[in-house]
Every structure is written in C-alpha cells, then in structure tokens.
Amino acid sequence: MTLMEQIQAIFLEIYTMDYQFGIYDKNGMKGLVVQGFLSPENYQKIVGEAYVVSQSQPEQPQA
C-alpha cells in the first residue's frame, strides 16, 4: 500500500467515525465530497447510499 493509499484509508476511518458520532450528517458528508476531501465512492461506503450531485453543486472534475 502506498503512502497516499494509507493516508486515504486513515481519512476514511476518521470521516466514518465523524458520521457515526453525528459530527457530520449526510449534507456535511456531501460537502466534503464537493470540497474534494472525500470521494463519491467513500461517501457511499460511509453513508450507505450513492452520492448524487445536486443541481446546486457543480460536478467535481475527474482526477
């Protein structure tokens, strides 16, 4: 596992705990996706539903 993959795994754990403890709700998690801190795939892992871009949010450019 590369260093970047390790960092992403750690942040996934942190954001999962934040969601479970109620620090972030679904809208907060969507905000993390919009800001580029969380991938749509990890959003789905944490929240349990697919990330859908709302009409008011611009789509994220593909990395």
N, C-alpha and C. Protein backbone atom coordinates (compact mmCIF):
# COMPACT_ATOMS: atom_id res chain seq x y z
N MET A 1 0.85 -1.17 0.00
CA MET A 1 0.00 0.00 0.00
C MET A 1 0.90 1.24 0.00
N THR A 2 0.59 2.14 -0.90
CA THR A 2 1.39 3.36 -0.99
C THR A 2 1.05 4.30 0.17
N LEU A 3 1.90 5.29 0.36
CA LEU A 3 1.67 6.27 1.41
C LEU A 3 0.34 6.99 1.20
N MET A 4 0.04 7.35 -0.05
CA MET A 4 -1.21 8.05 -0.35
C MET A 4 -2.41 7.16 -0.03
N GLU A 5 -2.33 5.89 -0.35
CA GLU A 5 -3.42 4.96 -0.03
C GLU A 5 -3.60 4.83 1.47
N GLN A 6 -2.50 4.83 2.21
CA GLN A 6 -2.58 4.76 3.67
C GLN A 6 -3.26 6.00 4.24
N ILE A 7 -2.89 7.16 3.71
CA ILE A 7 -3.49 8.42 4.17
C ILE A 7 -4.98 8.43 3.86
N GLN A 8 -5.36 8.01 2.66
CA GLN A 8 -6.77 7.96 2.29
C GLN A 8 -7.55 7.00 3.19
N ALA A 9 -6.95 5.87 3.55
CA ALA A 9 -7.60 4.90 4.43
C ALA A 9 -7.81 5.49 5.83
N ILE A 10 -6.84 6.23 6.31
CA ILE A 10 -6.95 6.87 7.62
C ILE A 10 -8.07 7.90 7.61
N PHE A 11 -8.11 8.73 6.58
CA PHE A 11 -9.18 9.73 6.49
C PHE A 11 -10.54 9.08 6.34
N LEU A 12 -10.63 7.95 5.63
CA LEU A 12 -11.89 7.23 5.53
C LEU A 12 -12.36 6.80 6.92
N GLU A 13 -11.45 6.30 7.72
CA GLU A 13 -11.79 5.90 9.10
C GLU A 13 -12.25 7.10 9.92
N ILE A 14 -11.54 8.21 9.79
CA ILE A 14 -11.88 9.42 10.54
C ILE A 14 -13.26 9.92 10.15
N TYR A 15 -13.52 10.03 8.84
CA TYR A 15 -14.82 10.52 8.39
C TYR A 15 -15.94 9.54 8.74
N THR A 16 -15.65 8.25 8.74
CA THR A 16 -16.65 7.26 9.15
C THR A 16 -17.04 7.47 10.61
N MET A 17 -16.05 7.66 11.47
CA MET A 17 -16.34 7.91 12.88
C MET A 17 -17.08 9.24 13.06
N ASP A 18 -16.66 10.26 12.34
CA ASP A 18 -17.35 11.56 12.42
C ASP A 18 -18.83 11.41 12.06
N TYR A 19 -19.13 10.63 11.04
CA TYR A 19 -20.52 10.40 10.63
C TYR A 19 -21.27 9.60 11.70
N GLN A 20 -20.64 8.56 12.21
CA GLN A 20 -21.28 7.73 13.23
C GLN A 20 -21.55 8.49 14.52
N PHE A 21 -20.66 9.40 14.88
CA PHE A 21 -20.82 10.20 16.10
C PHE A 21 -21.72 11.41 15.90
N GLY A 22 -22.15 11.65 14.66
CA GLY A 22 -23.06 12.75 14.39
C GLY A 22 -22.38 14.09 14.17
N ILE A 23 -21.07 14.08 14.03
CA ILE A 23 -20.35 15.32 13.76
C ILE A 23 -20.72 15.83 12.37
N TYR A 24 -20.83 14.91 11.41
CA TYR A 24 -21.30 15.22 10.07
C TYR A 24 -22.58 14.44 9.81
N ASP A 25 -23.57 15.10 9.17
CA ASP A 25 -24.73 14.39 8.67
C ASP A 25 -24.51 14.17 7.17
N LYS A 26 -25.55 13.69 6.48
CA LYS A 26 -25.38 13.42 5.04
C LYS A 26 -24.98 14.68 4.28
N ASN A 27 -25.59 15.80 4.61
CA ASN A 27 -25.25 17.05 3.91
C ASN A 27 -23.80 17.45 4.18
N GLY A 28 -23.34 17.25 5.40
CA GLY A 28 -21.95 17.55 5.73
C GLY A 28 -20.99 16.66 4.96
N MET A 29 -21.38 15.39 4.82
CA MET A 29 -20.54 14.47 4.05
C MET A 29 -20.52 14.86 2.58
N LYS A 30 -21.67 15.31 2.06
CA LYS A 30 -21.72 15.77 0.67
C LYS A 30 -20.81 16.98 0.49
N GLY A 31 -20.77 17.83 1.50
CA GLY A 31 -19.88 18.99 1.44
C GLY A 31 -18.42 18.58 1.34
N LEU A 32 -18.06 17.50 2.03
CA LEU A 32 -16.69 17.01 1.95
C LEU A 32 -16.37 16.51 0.55
N VAL A 33 -17.37 15.90 -0.11
CA VAL A 33 -17.16 15.44 -1.48
C VAL A 33 -16.97 16.64 -2.40
N VAL A 34 -17.82 17.66 -2.25
CA VAL A 34 -17.73 18.85 -3.09
C VAL A 34 -16.37 19.53 -2.93
N GLN A 35 -15.86 19.55 -1.69
CA GLN A 35 -14.58 20.19 -1.43
C GLN A 35 -13.39 19.32 -1.87
N GLY A 36 -13.66 18.07 -2.21
CA GLY A 36 -12.59 17.19 -2.68
C GLY A 36 -11.88 16.42 -1.57
N PHE A 37 -12.43 16.49 -0.34
CA PHE A 37 -11.81 15.78 0.78
C PHE A 37 -12.25 14.33 0.86
N LEU A 38 -13.37 14.01 0.22
CA LEU A 38 -13.95 12.66 0.28
C LEU A 38 -14.40 12.29 -1.13
N SER A 39 -14.11 11.07 -1.55
CA SER A 39 -14.53 10.63 -2.88
C SER A 39 -15.99 10.19 -2.83
N PRO A 40 -16.68 10.26 -3.97
CA PRO A 40 -18.06 9.76 -4.01
C PRO A 40 -18.15 8.28 -3.60
N GLU A 41 -17.13 7.50 -3.92
CA GLU A 41 -17.12 6.08 -3.55
C GLU A 41 -17.05 5.92 -2.03
N ASN A 42 -16.21 6.73 -1.38
CA ASN A 42 -16.11 6.65 0.07
C ASN A 42 -17.34 7.22 0.75
N TYR A 43 -17.98 8.22 0.13
CA TYR A 43 -19.26 8.72 0.63
C TYR A 43 -20.25 7.56 0.71
N GLN A 44 -20.31 6.76 -0.36
CA GLN A 44 -21.24 5.64 -0.40
C GLN A 44 -20.89 4.60 0.67
N LYS A 45 -19.61 4.36 0.88
CA LYS A 45 -19.20 3.40 1.92
C LYS A 45 -19.65 3.87 3.30
N ILE A 46 -19.54 5.16 3.55
CA ILE A 46 -19.85 5.71 4.87
C ILE A 46 -21.36 5.85 5.09
N VAL A 47 -22.04 6.46 4.12
CA VAL A 47 -23.46 6.80 4.29
C VAL A 47 -24.38 5.63 3.92
N GLY A 48 -23.92 4.78 3.03
CA GLY A 48 -24.73 3.63 2.63
C GLY A 48 -25.63 3.89 1.44
N GLU A 49 -25.44 5.02 0.79
CA GLU A 49 -26.19 5.31 -0.44
C GLU A 49 -25.27 6.05 -1.39
N ALA A 50 -25.61 5.97 -2.66
CA ALA A 50 -24.77 6.58 -3.69
C ALA A 50 -24.78 8.10 -3.56
N TYR A 51 -23.66 8.70 -3.85
CA TYR A 51 -23.56 10.17 -3.89
C TYR A 51 -24.18 10.65 -5.17
N VAL A 52 -25.11 11.59 -5.05
CA VAL A 52 -25.77 12.17 -6.21
C VAL A 52 -25.50 13.66 -6.20
N VAL A 53 -25.00 14.18 -7.30
CA VAL A 53 -24.72 15.61 -7.42
C VAL A 53 -26.04 16.34 -7.51
N SER A 54 -26.26 17.28 -6.58
CA SER A 54 -27.49 18.07 -6.65
C SER A 54 -27.32 19.15 -7.70
N GLN A 55 -28.44 19.73 -8.12
CA GLN A 55 -28.39 20.75 -9.16
C GLN A 55 -27.62 21.98 -8.72
N SER A 56 -27.56 22.23 -7.39
CA SER A 56 -26.88 23.43 -6.90
C SER A 56 -25.38 23.21 -6.71
N GLN A 57 -24.91 21.97 -6.85
CA GLN A 57 -23.49 21.68 -6.67
C GLN A 57 -22.85 21.41 -8.03
N PRO A 58 -21.74 22.07 -8.30
CA PRO A 58 -21.02 21.77 -9.54
C PRO A 58 -20.38 20.40 -9.46
N GLU A 59 -20.27 19.72 -10.58
CA GLU A 59 -19.62 18.42 -10.60
C GLU A 59 -18.13 18.57 -10.37
N GLN A 60 -17.56 17.59 -9.66
CA GLN A 60 -16.12 17.57 -9.41
C GLN A 60 -15.40 17.10 -10.66
N PRO A 61 -14.31 17.74 -11.01
CA PRO A 61 -13.50 17.25 -12.13
C PRO A 61 -12.88 15.91 -11.78
N GLN A 62 -12.77 15.04 -12.75
CA GLN A 62 -12.16 13.74 -12.53
C GLN A 62 -10.65 13.88 -12.40
N ALA A 63 -10.11 13.23 -11.39
CA ALA A 63 -8.66 13.31 -11.16
C ALA A 63 -7.92 12.33 -12.03
